[in-house]
PDB file of N, CA and C in Angstrom:
ATOM      1  N   MET A   1      81.739 -91.466  75.720  1.00  0.00           N
ATOM      2  CA  MET A   1      83.331 -91.713  75.836  1.00  0.00           C
ATOM      3  C   MET A   1      84.111 -91.146  74.412  1.00  0.00           C
ATOM      4  N   GLU A   2      83.539 -90.975  73.473  1.00  0.00           N
ATOM      5  CA  GLU A   2      84.235 -90.396  72.656  1.00  0.00           C
ATOM      6  C   GLU A   2      84.263 -88.726  72.329  1.00  0.00           C
ATOM      7  N   PRO A   3      83.834 -87.803  73.446  1.00  0.00           N
ATOM      8  CA  PRO A   3      83.903 -86.727  73.091  1.00  0.00           C
ATOM      9  C   PRO A   3      85.120 -86.435  74.280  1.00  0.00           C
ATOM     10  N   PHE A   4      85.450 -86.779  75.123  1.00  0.00           N
ATOM     11  CA  PHE A   4      86.832 -86.884  76.192  1.00  0.00           C
ATOM     12  C   PHE A   4      87.791 -87.534  74.835  1.00  0.00           C
ATOM     13  N   TRP A   5      87.971 -88.307  74.202  1.00  0.00           N
ATOM     14  CA  TRP A   5      88.934 -88.301  73.603  1.00  0.00           C
ATOM     15  C   TRP A   5      88.932 -87.485  71.941  1.00  0.00           C
ATOM     16  N   SER A   6      88.319 -86.374  71.784  1.00  0.00           N
ATOM     17  CA  SER A   6      88.204 -85.806  70.966  1.00  0.00           C
ATOM     18  C   SER A   6      88.519 -84.485  71.753  1.00  0.00           C
ATOM     19  N   VAL A   7      88.127 -84.065  72.798  1.00  0.00           N
ATOM     20  CA  VAL A   7      89.082 -82.879  73.491  1.00  0.00           C
ATOM     21  C   VAL A   7      90.070 -83.462  73.817  1.00  0.00           C
ATOM     22  N   VAL A   8      90.865 -84.833  74.389  1.00  0.00           N
ATOM     23  CA  VAL A   8      92.310 -85.026  74.586  1.00  0.00           C
ATOM     24  C   VAL A   8      92.980 -84.630  73.304  1.00  0.00           C
ATOM     25  N   LYS A   9      92.322 -85.436  71.646  1.00  0.00           N
ATOM     26  CA  LYS A   9      93.340 -84.901  70.730  1.00  0.00           C
ATOM     27  C   LYS A   9      93.917 -83.972  70.181  1.00  0.00           C
ATOM     28  N   THR A  10      92.451 -82.888  70.282  1.00  0.00           N
ATOM     29  CA  THR A  10      92.420 -81.678  70.332  1.00  0.00           C
ATOM     30  C   THR A  10      93.612 -80.937  71.003  1.00  0.00           C
ATOM     31  N   GLY A  11      93.393 -81.042  72.546  1.00  0.00           N
ATOM     32  CA  GLY A  11      94.718 -80.370  73.232  1.00  0.00           C
ATOM     33  C   GLY A  11      96.193 -81.000  72.730  1.00  0.00           C
ATOM     34  N   ALA A  12      96.240 -82.146  72.407  1.00  0.00           N
ATOM     35  CA  ALA A  12      97.766 -82.730  71.947  1.00  0.00           C
ATOM     36  C   ALA A  12      98.126 -82.224  70.864  1.00  0.00           C
ATOM     37  N   ALA A  13      97.303 -81.879  70.322  1.00  0.00           N
ATOM     38  CA  ALA A  13      97.464 -81.278  68.854  1.00  0.00           C
ATOM     39  C   ALA A  13      98.393 -79.871  69.126  1.00  0.00           C
ATOM     40  N   LEU A  14      97.369 -79.046  69.954  1.00  0.00           N
ATOM     41  CA  LEU A  14      97.299 -77.855  70.266  1.00  0.00           C
ATOM     42  C   LEU A  14      98.882 -77.842  71.014  1.00  0.00           C
ATOM     43  N   ALA A  15      99.147 -78.370  72.111  1.00  0.00           N
ATOM     44  CA  ALA A  15      99.969 -78.212  72.667  1.00  0.00           C
ATOM     45  C   ALA A  15     101.008 -78.752  72.051  1.00  0.00           C
ATOM     46  N   ILE A  16     101.014 -79.700  70.720  1.00  0.00           N
ATOM     47  CA  ILE A  16     102.770 -79.837  69.850  1.00  0.00           C
ATOM     48  C   ILE A  16     102.818 -78.350  69.141  1.00  0.00           C
ATOM     49  N   VAL A  17     101.483 -78.011  68.208  1.00  0.00           N
ATOM     50  CA  VAL A  17     101.883 -76.357  67.546  1.00  0.00           C
ATOM     51  C   VAL A  17     102.105 -75.828  68.451  1.00  0.00           C
ATOM     52  N   LEU A  18     101.998 -75.194  69.517  1.00  0.00           N
ATOM     53  CA  LEU A  18     102.646 -74.287  70.408  1.00  0.00           C
ATOM     54  C   LEU A  18     104.176 -74.650  71.192  1.00  0.00           C
ATOM     55  N   GLY A  19     104.180 -75.757  70.874  1.00  0.00           N
ATOM     56  CA  GLY A  19     105.584 -76.367  71.118  1.00  0.00           C
ATOM     57  C   GLY A  19     106.498 -76.383  70.039  1.00  0.00           C
ATOM     58  N   LEU A  20     106.236 -76.351  68.892  1.00  0.00           N
ATOM     59  CA  LEU A  20     106.954 -76.223  67.933  1.00  0.00           C
ATOM     60  C   LEU A  20     107.147 -74.459  67.291  1.00  0.00           C
ATOM     61  N   ILE A  21     106.049 -73.933  67.871  1.00  0.00           N
ATOM     62  CA  ILE A  21     106.393 -72.774  67.780  1.00  0.00           C
ATOM     63  C   ILE A  21     107.365 -71.820  68.389  1.00  0.00           C
ATOM     64  N   GLY A  22     107.626 -72.571  69.868  1.00  0.00           N
ATOM     65  CA  GLY A  22     108.084 -71.853  70.985  1.00  0.00           C
ATOM     66  C   GLY A  22     109.604 -72.441  70.214  1.00  0.00           C
ATOM     67  N   LEU A  23     110.288 -73.903  69.733  1.00  0.00           N
ATOM     68  CA  LEU A  23     111.333 -74.046  69.294  1.00  0.00           C
ATOM     69  C   LEU A  23     111.773 -73.320  68.809  1.00  0.00           C
ATOM     70  N   ALA A  24     110.950 -72.830  67.725  1.00  0.00           N
ATOM     71  CA  ALA A  24     111.098 -71.830  65.830  1.00  0.00           C
ATOM     72  C   ALA A  24     111.883 -70.905  66.800  1.00  0.00           C
ATOM     73  N   ALA A  25     111.116 -69.987  67.863  1.00  0.00           N
ATOM     74  CA  ALA A  25     111.111 -68.831  67.931  1.00  0.00           C
ATOM     75  C   ALA A  25     112.955 -68.896  69.082  1.00  0.00           C
ATOM     76  N   TRP A  26     113.076 -69.780  69.481  1.00  0.00           N
ATOM     77  CA  TRP A  26     114.480 -70.259  70.497  1.00  0.00           C
ATOM     78  C   TRP A  26     115.231 -70.162  69.423  1.00  0.00           C
ATOM     79  N   LEU A  27     115.024 -71.428  68.108  1.00  0.00           N
ATOM     80  CA  LEU A  27     116.147 -71.214  67.117  1.00  0.00           C
ATOM     81  C   LEU A  27     116.309 -69.957  66.188  1.00  0.00           C
ATOM     82  N   ALA A  28     115.368 -69.052  66.359  1.00  0.00           N
ATOM     83  CA  ALA A  28     115.672 -68.058  65.477  1.00  0.00           C
ATOM     84  C   ALA A  28     116.137 -67.355  66.240  1.00  0.00           C
ATOM     85  N   LYS A  29     116.308 -66.800  67.504  1.00  0.00           N
ATOM     86  CA  LYS A  29     116.904 -65.780  68.180  1.00  0.00           C
ATOM     87  C   LYS A  29     118.322 -66.513  68.594  1.00  0.00           C
ATOM     88  N   ARG A  30     118.581 -67.846  69.135  1.00  0.00           N
ATOM     89  CA  ARG A  30     119.786 -68.570  69.132  1.00  0.00           C
ATOM     90  C   ARG A  30     120.262 -68.175  67.636  1.00  0.00           C
ATOM     91  N   PHE A  31     120.018 -68.489  66.604  1.00  0.00           N
ATOM     92  CA  PHE A  31     120.988 -68.872  65.456  1.00  0.00           C
ATOM     93  C   PHE A  31     121.276 -67.987  64.416  1.00  0.00           C
ATOM     94  N   LEU A  32     119.812 -66.601  64.431  1.00  0.00           N
ATOM     95  CA  LEU A  32     120.451 -65.532  63.546  1.00  0.00           C
ATOM     96  C   LEU A  32     120.519 -64.736  63.957  1.00  0.00           C
ATOM     97  N   PRO A  33     121.722 -64.280  62.984  1.00  0.00           N
ATOM     98  CA  PRO A  33     122.387 -62.576  63.239  1.00  0.00           C
ATOM     99  C   PRO A  33     121.243 -61.937  63.612  1.00  0.00           C
ATOM    100  N   ALA A  34     121.497 -61.215  64.772  1.00  0.00           N
ATOM    101  CA  ALA A  34     121.048 -59.844  65.318  1.00  0.00           C
ATOM    102  C   ALA A  34     120.473 -58.905  65.040  1.00  0.00           C
ATOM    103  N   HIS A  35     120.974 -58.624  63.590  1.00  0.00           N
ATOM    104  CA  HIS A  35     120.310 -57.404  62.712  1.00  0.00           C
ATOM    105  C   HIS A  35     118.893 -58.270  62.340  1.00  0.00           C
ATOM    106  N   TRP A  36     118.803 -59.618  62.333  1.00  0.00           N
ATOM    107  CA  TRP A  36     117.799 -60.136  61.524  1.00  0.00           C
ATOM    108  C   TRP A  36     116.709 -60.429  62.728  1.00  0.00           C
ATOM    109  N   SER A  37     117.018 -60.226  63.644  1.00  0.00           N
ATOM    110  CA  SER A  37     116.134 -60.480  64.874  1.00  0.00           C
ATOM    111  C   SER A  37     115.379 -59.209  65.583  1.00  0.00           C
ATOM    112  N   VAL A  38     114.413 -59.173  65.994  1.00  0.00           N
ATOM    113  CA  VAL A  38     113.370 -57.701  66.167  1.00  0.00           C
ATOM    114  C   VAL A  38     114.750 -57.481  67.582  1.00  0.00           C
ATOM    115  N   ALA A  39     114.720 -58.368  67.947  1.00  0.00           N
ATOM    116  CA  ALA A  39     115.381 -57.762  69.409  1.00  0.00           C
ATOM    117  C   ALA A  39     116.621 -57.888  69.432  1.00  0.00           C
ATOM    118  N   GLY A  40     117.345 -57.924  68.908  1.00  0.00           N
ATOM    119  CA  GLY A  40     119.057 -57.619  68.464  1.00  0.00           C
ATOM    120  C   GLY A  40     119.465 -55.964  68.683  1.00  0.00           C
ATOM    121  N   SER A  41     121.137 -55.942  69.067  1.00  0.00           N
ATOM    122  CA  SER A  41     121.162 -54.804  69.372  1.00  0.00           C
ATOM    123  C   SER A  41     121.617 -53.774  68.411  1.00  0.00           C
ATOM    124  N   SER A  42     121.563 -52.809  67.834  1.00  0.00           N
ATOM    125  CA  SER A  42     121.654 -52.115  66.763  1.00  0.00           C
ATOM    126  C   SER A  42     123.329 -51.688  67.124  1.00  0.00           C
ATOM    127  N   GLN A  43     124.096 -51.495  65.880  1.00  0.00           N
ATOM    128  CA  GLN A  43     125.822 -50.995  66.226  1.00  0.00           C
ATOM    129  C   GLN A  43     125.468 -49.572  65.761  1.00  0.00           C
ATOM    130  N   MET A  44     124.756 -48.848  65.605  1.00  0.00           N
ATOM    131  CA  MET A  44     124.673 -47.885  65.395  1.00  0.00           C
ATOM    132  C   MET A  44     124.443 -46.884  66.825  1.00  0.00           C
ATOM    133  N   VAL A  45     123.459 -47.092  67.781  1.00  0.00           N
ATOM    134  CA  VAL A  45     123.337 -46.880  68.604  1.00  0.00           C
ATOM    135  C   VAL A  45     123.539 -48.077  70.236  1.00  0.00           C
ATOM    136  N   ARG A  46     124.454 -47.724  71.412  1.00  0.00           N
ATOM    137  CA  ARG A  46     124.325 -48.860  72.246  1.00  0.00           C
ATOM    138  C   ARG A  46     124.139 -48.064  73.191  1.00  0.00           C
ATOM    139  N   VAL A  47     123.347 -48.293  74.342  1.00  0.00           N
ATOM    140  CA  VAL A  47     123.371 -47.654  75.819  1.00  0.00           C
ATOM    141  C   VAL A  47     124.920 -48.311  76.336  1.00  0.00           C
ATOM    142  N   LEU A  48     125.289 -47.147  76.939  1.00  0.00           N
ATOM    143  CA  LEU A  48     126.581 -47.927  78.077  1.00  0.00           C
ATOM    144  C   LEU A  48     126.122 -47.339  79.138  1.00  0.00           C
ATOM    145  N   SER A  49     125.190 -46.747  79.492  1.00  0.00           N
ATOM    146  CA  SER A  49     125.134 -46.631  81.374  1.00  0.00           C
ATOM    147  C   SER A  49     123.306 -45.742  80.918  1.00  0.00           C
ATOM    148  N   ARG A  50     122.834 -46.131  82.215  1.00  0.00           N
ATOM    149  CA  ARG A  50     121.330 -45.167  82.299  1.00  0.00           C
ATOM    150  C   ARG A  50     121.360 -45.517  84.200  1.00  0.00           C
ATOM    151  N   ALA A  51     120.628 -44.266  84.558  1.00  0.00           N
ATOM    152  CA  ALA A  51     120.438 -44.411  86.624  1.00  0.00           C
ATOM    153  C   ALA A  51     119.073 -43.873  86.020  1.00  0.00           C
ATOM    154  N   PRO A  52     118.416 -44.085  86.976  1.00  0.00           N
ATOM    155  CA  PRO A  52     117.625 -43.605  87.149  1.00  0.00           C
ATOM    156  C   PRO A  52     116.870 -42.860  88.343  1.00  0.00           C
ATOM    157  N   LEU A  53     116.198 -41.633  87.718  1.00  0.00           N
ATOM    158  CA  LEU A  53     115.779 -40.435  88.556  1.00  0.00           C
ATOM    159  C   LEU A  53     114.747 -40.627  89.458  1.00  0.00           C
ATOM    160  N   GLY A  54     114.154 -41.363  89.126  1.00  0.00           N
ATOM    161  CA  GLY A  54     112.443 -41.640  89.919  1.00  0.00           C
ATOM    162  C   GLY A  54     111.826 -42.297  88.820  1.00  0.00           C
ATOM    163  N   VAL A  55     110.320 -42.280  88.658  1.00  0.00           N
ATOM    164  CA  VAL A  55     109.285 -42.925  88.076  1.00  0.00           C
ATOM    165  C   VAL A  55     109.041 -42.095  86.978  1.00  0.00           C
ATOM    166  N   GLY A  56     109.700 -42.926  85.891  1.00  0.00           N
ATOM    167  CA  GLY A  56     109.403 -42.598  84.471  1.00  0.00           C
ATOM    168  C   GLY A  56     110.719 -41.453  84.157  1.00  0.00           C
ATOM    169  N   ARG A  57     111.623 -41.114  85.079  1.00  0.00           N
ATOM    170  CA  ARG A  57     112.891 -40.608  84.591  1.00  0.00           C
ATOM    171  C   ARG A  57     114.223 -41.228  84.720  1.00  0.00           C
ATOM    172  N   GLU A  58     115.273 -40.715  83.583  1.00  0.00           N
ATOM    173  CA  GLU A  58     116.443 -41.306  83.961  1.00  0.00           C
ATOM    174  C   GLU A  58     117.403 -40.535  83.232  1.00  0.00           C
ATOM    175  N   VAL A  59     118.597 -40.968  83.125  1.00  0.00           N
ATOM    176  CA  VAL A  59     119.932 -40.503  82.454  1.00  0.00           C
ATOM    177  C   VAL A  59     120.252 -41.732  81.750  1.00  0.00           C
ATOM    178  N   ILE A  60     120.648 -41.716  80.272  1.00  0.00           N
ATOM    179  CA  ILE A  60     120.896 -42.333  79.928  1.00  0.00           C
ATOM    180  C   ILE A  60     122.371 -42.121  78.915  1.00  0.00           C
ATOM    181  N   VAL A  61     123.828 -42.757  79.107  1.00  0.00           N
ATOM    182  CA  VAL A  61     124.405 -41.869  77.894  1.00  0.00           C
ATOM    183  C   VAL A  61     124.294 -43.162  77.405  1.00  0.00           C
ATOM    184  N   ILE A  62     124.717 -42.484  75.357  1.00  0.00           N
ATOM    185  CA  ILE A  62     124.694 -43.936  74.894  1.00  0.00           C
ATOM    186  C   ILE A  62     125.769 -43.408  73.655  1.00  0.00           C
ATOM    187  N   GLU A  63     126.201 -44.457  72.697  1.00  0.00           N
ATOM    188  CA  GLU A  63     126.885 -43.907  71.875  1.00  0.00           C
ATOM    189  C   GLU A  63     126.416 -43.858  70.569  1.00  0.00           C
ATOM    190  N   VAL A  64     126.566 -43.550  69.728  1.00  0.00           N
ATOM    191  CA  VAL A  64     125.735 -42.967  68.242  1.00  0.00           C
ATOM    192  C   VAL A  64     126.675 -42.903  67.600  1.00  0.00           C
ATOM    193  N   SER A  65     127.049 -43.674  66.567  1.00  0.00           N
ATOM    194  CA  SER A  65     128.019 -43.766  65.199  1.00  0.00           C
ATOM    195  C   SER A  65     129.535 -42.956  65.899  1.00  0.00           C
ATOM    196  N   GLY A  66     129.494 -43.489  67.445  1.00  0.00           N
ATOM    197  CA  GLY A  66     131.181 -42.782  67.353  1.00  0.00           C
ATOM    198  C   GLY A  66     131.155 -42.213  68.867  1.00  0.00           C
ATOM    199  N   ALA A  67     129.646 -41.117  68.508  1.00  0.00           N
ATOM    200  CA  ALA A  67     129.801 -40.173  69.424  1.00  0.00           C
ATOM    201  C   ALA A  67     128.901 -40.638  70.624  1.00  0.00           C
ATOM    202  N   ARG A  68     129.450 -39.846  71.648  1.00  0.00           N
ATOM    203  CA  ARG A  68     129.046 -40.380  73.068  1.00  0.00           C
ATOM    204  C   ARG A  68     127.980 -39.253  73.813  1.00  0.00           C
ATOM    205  N   LEU A  69     126.907 -39.364  73.972  1.00  0.00           N
ATOM    206  CA  LEU A  69     125.831 -38.328  74.090  1.00  0.00           C
ATOM    207  C   LEU A  69     124.522 -38.882  75.450  1.00  0.00           C
ATOM    208  N   VAL A  70     125.216 -37.860  76.043  1.00  0.00           N
ATOM    209  CA  VAL A  70     124.340 -37.900  77.686  1.00  0.00           C
ATOM    210  C   VAL A  70     123.222 -37.718  77.317  1.00  0.00           C
ATOM    211  N   VAL A  71     122.053 -38.131  77.407  1.00  0.00           N
ATOM    212  CA  VAL A  71     120.071 -37.622  77.413  1.00  0.00           C
ATOM    213  C   VAL A  71     119.420 -37.364  78.941  1.00  0.00           C
ATOM    214  N   GLY A  72     118.792 -36.672  78.941  1.00  0.00           N
ATOM    215  CA  GLY A  72     117.231 -37.092  79.860  1.00  0.00           C
ATOM    216  C   GLY A  72     116.339 -37.814  78.936  1.00  0.00           C
ATOM    217  N   VAL A  73     115.759 -38.626  79.528  1.00  0.00           N
ATOM    218  CA  VAL A  73     114.764 -39.220  78.915  1.00  0.00           C
ATOM    219  C   VAL A  73     113.490 -38.957  79.961  1.00  0.00           C
ATOM    220  N   THR A  74     112.093 -38.967  79.721  1.00  0.00           N
ATOM    221  CA  THR A  74     110.869 -39.211  80.418  1.00  0.00           C
ATOM    222  C   THR A  74     109.795 -39.685  79.448  1.00  0.00           C
ATOM    223  N   ALA A  75     109.057 -39.827  80.288  1.00  0.00           N
ATOM    224  CA  ALA A  75     108.098 -40.141  79.105  1.00  0.00           C
ATOM    225  C   ALA A  75     107.280 -39.969  78.192  1.00  0.00           C
ATOM    226  N   SER A  76     107.220 -38.275  78.006  1.00  0.00           N
ATOM    227  CA  SER A  76     106.802 -37.673  76.935  1.00  0.00           C
ATOM    228  C   SER A  76     107.892 -36.955  76.582  1.00  0.00           C
ATOM    229  N   GLN A  77     109.401 -36.969  76.125  1.00  0.00           N
ATOM    230  CA  GLN A  77     110.623 -36.456  75.901  1.00  0.00           C
ATOM    231  C   GLN A  77     111.874 -36.903  76.318  1.00  0.00           C
ATOM    232  N   VAL A  78     112.532 -36.514  75.138  1.00  0.00           N
ATOM    233  CA  VAL A  78     114.890 -37.018  75.281  1.00  0.00           C
ATOM    234  C   VAL A  78     114.856 -35.764  74.864  1.00  0.00           C
ATOM    235  N   THR A  79     115.352 -35.179  76.095  1.00  0.00           N
ATOM    236  CA  THR A  79     116.746 -34.147  75.870  1.00  0.00           C
ATOM    237  C   THR A  79     118.166 -34.430  75.748  1.00  0.00           C
ATOM    238  N   LEU A  80     118.727 -33.576  75.224  1.00  0.00           N
ATOM    239  CA  LEU A  80     120.553 -34.432  74.945  1.00  0.00           C
ATOM    240  C   LEU A  80     121.195 -33.065  76.407  1.00  0.00           C
ATOM    241  N   LEU A  81     121.741 -33.923  77.150  1.00  0.00           N
ATOM    242  CA  LEU A  81     121.781 -32.636  78.322  1.00  0.00           C
ATOM    243  C   LEU A  81     123.736 -32.425  77.874  1.00  0.00           C
ATOM    244  N   ALA A  82     124.242 -33.790  77.644  1.00  0.00           N
ATOM    245  CA  ALA A  82     126.153 -33.160  77.439  1.00  0.00           C
ATOM    246  C   ALA A  82     126.213 -34.184  75.588  1.00  0.00           C
ATOM    247  N   ARG A  83     127.208 -33.843  75.529  1.00  0.00           N
ATOM    248  CA  ARG A  83     127.880 -34.530  74.558  1.00  0.00           C
ATOM    249  C   ARG A  83     129.519 -34.843  74.919  1.00  0.00           C
ATOM    250  N   PHE A  84     130.354 -36.112  74.535  1.00  0.00           N
ATOM    251  CA  PHE A  84     131.319 -35.695  74.470  1.00  0.00           C
ATOM    252  C   PHE A  84     132.151 -35.314  72.820  1.00  0.00           C
ATOM    253  N   GLU A  85     133.569 -34.873  73.535  1.00  0.00           N
ATOM    254  CA  GLU A  85     134.092 -34.576  72.047  1.00  0.00           C
ATOM    255  C   GLU A  85     135.635 -34.862  72.784  1.00  0.00           C
ATOM    256  N   GLY A  86     136.267 -35.911  72.259  1.00  0.00           N
ATOM    257  CA  GLY A  86     137.689 -36.399  72.437  1.00  0.00           C
ATOM    258  C   GLY A  86     137.158 -36.913  74.102  1.00  0.00           C
ATOM    259  N   ASP A  87     138.163 -36.116  75.369  1.00  0.00           N
ATOM    260  CA  ASP A  87     138.269 -36.435  76.107  1.00  0.00           C
ATOM    261  C   ASP A  87     137.266 -35.067  77.352  1.00  0.00           C
ATOM    262  N   VAL A  88     136.666 -34.215  76.263  1.00  0.00           N
ATOM    263  CA  VAL A  88     135.846 -33.152  77.128  1.00  0.00           C
ATOM    264  C   VAL A  88     134.675 -33.163  76.842  1.00  0.00           C
ATOM    265  N   LEU A  89     134.080 -33.025  78.182  1.00  0.00           N
ATOM    266  CA  LEU A  89     132.711 -33.175  78.129  1.00  0.00           C
ATOM    267  C   LEU A  89     131.972 -31.636  77.690  1.00  0.00           C
ATOM    268  N   HIS A  90     130.809 -31.556  77.131  1.00  0.00           N
ATOM    269  CA  HIS A  90     130.209 -30.672  76.666  1.00  0.00           C
ATOM    270  C   HIS A  90     129.351 -30.418  77.057  1.00  0.00           C
ATOM    271  N   SER A  91     128.550 -29.448  77.982  1.00  0.00           N
ATOM    272  CA  SER A  91     126.732 -29.282  78.516  1.00  0.00           C
ATOM    273  C   SER A  91     126.748 -28.463  77.227  1.00  0.00           C
ATOM    274  N   GLU A  92     124.919 -28.837  76.912  1.00  0.00           N
ATOM    275  CA  GLU A  92     124.320 -28.192  76.107  1.00  0.00           C
ATOM    276  C   GLU A  92     123.877 -27.169  76.272  1.00  0.00           C
ATOM    277  N   HIS A  93     124.119 -26.348  77.821  1.00  0.00           N
ATOM    278  CA  HIS A  93     123.674 -25.163  78.501  1.00  0.00           C
ATOM    279  C   HIS A  93     124.753 -24.406  78.879  1.00  0.00           C
ATOM    280  N   VAL A  94     126.141 -25.084  79.209  1.00  0.00           N
ATOM    281  CA  VAL A  94     126.459 -24.073  79.849  1.00  0.00           C
ATOM    282  C   VAL A  94     128.284 -24.215  79.525  1.00  0.00           C
ATOM    283  N   GLY A  95     128.355 -24.862  78.159  1.00  0.00           N
ATOM    284  CA  GLY A  95     130.081 -24.988  77.416  1.00  0.00           C
ATOM    285  C   GLY A  95     130.956 -26.632  77.887  1.00  0.00           C
ATOM    286  N   PRO A  96     132.056 -26.361  77.904  1.00  0.00           N
ATOM    287  CA  PRO A  96     132.547 -27.575  78.405  1.00  0.00           C
ATOM    288  C   PRO A  96     132.227 -27.740  80.213  1.00  0.00           C
ATOM    289  N   LEU A  97     132.351 -28.468  80.343  1.00  0.00           N
ATOM    290  CA  LEU A  97     132.283 -28.827  81.958  1.00  0.00           C
ATOM    291  C   LEU A  97     133.356 -29.306  82.939  1.00  0.00           C
ATOM    292  N   ALA A  98     134.328 -30.295  81.656  1.00  0.00           N
ATOM    293  CA  ALA A  98     135.471 -30.907  82.721  1.00  0.00           C
ATOM    294  C   ALA A  98     136.305 -31.935  81.651  1.00  0.00           C
ATOM    295  N   VAL A  99     137.762 -31.892  81.602  1.00  0.00           N
ATOM    296  CA  VAL A  99     138.433 -32.461  80.766  1.00  0.00           C
ATOM    297  C   VAL A  99     138.160 -34.166  81.636  1.00  0.00           C
ATOM    298  N   ILE A 100     138.316 -34.986  80.768  1.00  0.00           N
ATOM    299  CA  ILE A 100     138.193 -36.393  81.256  1.00  0.00           C
ATOM    300  C   ILE A 100     139.389 -37.270  80.944  1.00  0.00           C
ATOM    301  N   THR A 101     140.418 -37.520  81.749  1.00  0.00           N
ATOM    302  CA  THR A 101     141.598 -38.067  81.347  1.00  0.00           C
ATOM    303  C   THR A 101     141.482 -39.794  81.995  1.00  0.00           C
ATOM    304  N   ASN A 102     141.898 -40.917  80.970  1.00  0.00           N
ATOM    305  CA  ASN A 102     141.975 -42.053  80.870  1.00  0.00           C
ATOM    306  C   ASN A 102     143.263 -42.703  81.226  1.00  0.00           C
ATOM    307  N   LYS A 103     144.035 -42.022  82.021  1.00  0.00           N
ATOM    308  CA  LYS A 103     145.052 -42.351  82.379  1.00  0.00           C
ATOM    309  C   LYS A 103     145.483 -42.409  83.556  1.00  0.00           C
ATOM    310  N   GLU A 104     146.442 -43.717  83.805  1.00  0.00           N
ATOM    311  CA  GLU A 104     146.340 -44.413  85.443  1.00  0.00           C
ATOM    312  C   GLU A 104     147.316 -43.555  86.237  1.00  0.00           C
ATOM    313  N   ALA A 105     147.124 -43.484  87.051  1.00  0.00           N
ATOM    314  CA  ALA A 105     148.232 -42.147  88.068  1.00  0.00           C
ATOM    315  C   ALA A 105     149.508 -43.172  88.641  1.00  0.00           C
TER     316      ALA A 105
END
């Protein structure tokens, strides 16, 4: 009967330790500032929108230090497709594309 209780004690101790680790992780994620956490969002780079194009390919609109960029992303590279300057969208390949207005009609 002694080996049975030894296994039960070891299992209970392991469960308590794992529970404490999980509780510490939850508390850190909940209460620590975002710049301290690994998964926190960066203030320099924000993903504004993304659109999948197929397996492993997507177009993403990001904001970097106030500049808005349109990038194409694959498994092996990231390509700058266009950038916004004010209300004008500039393509890296053909120049200004369109004037975008935010005014209501």
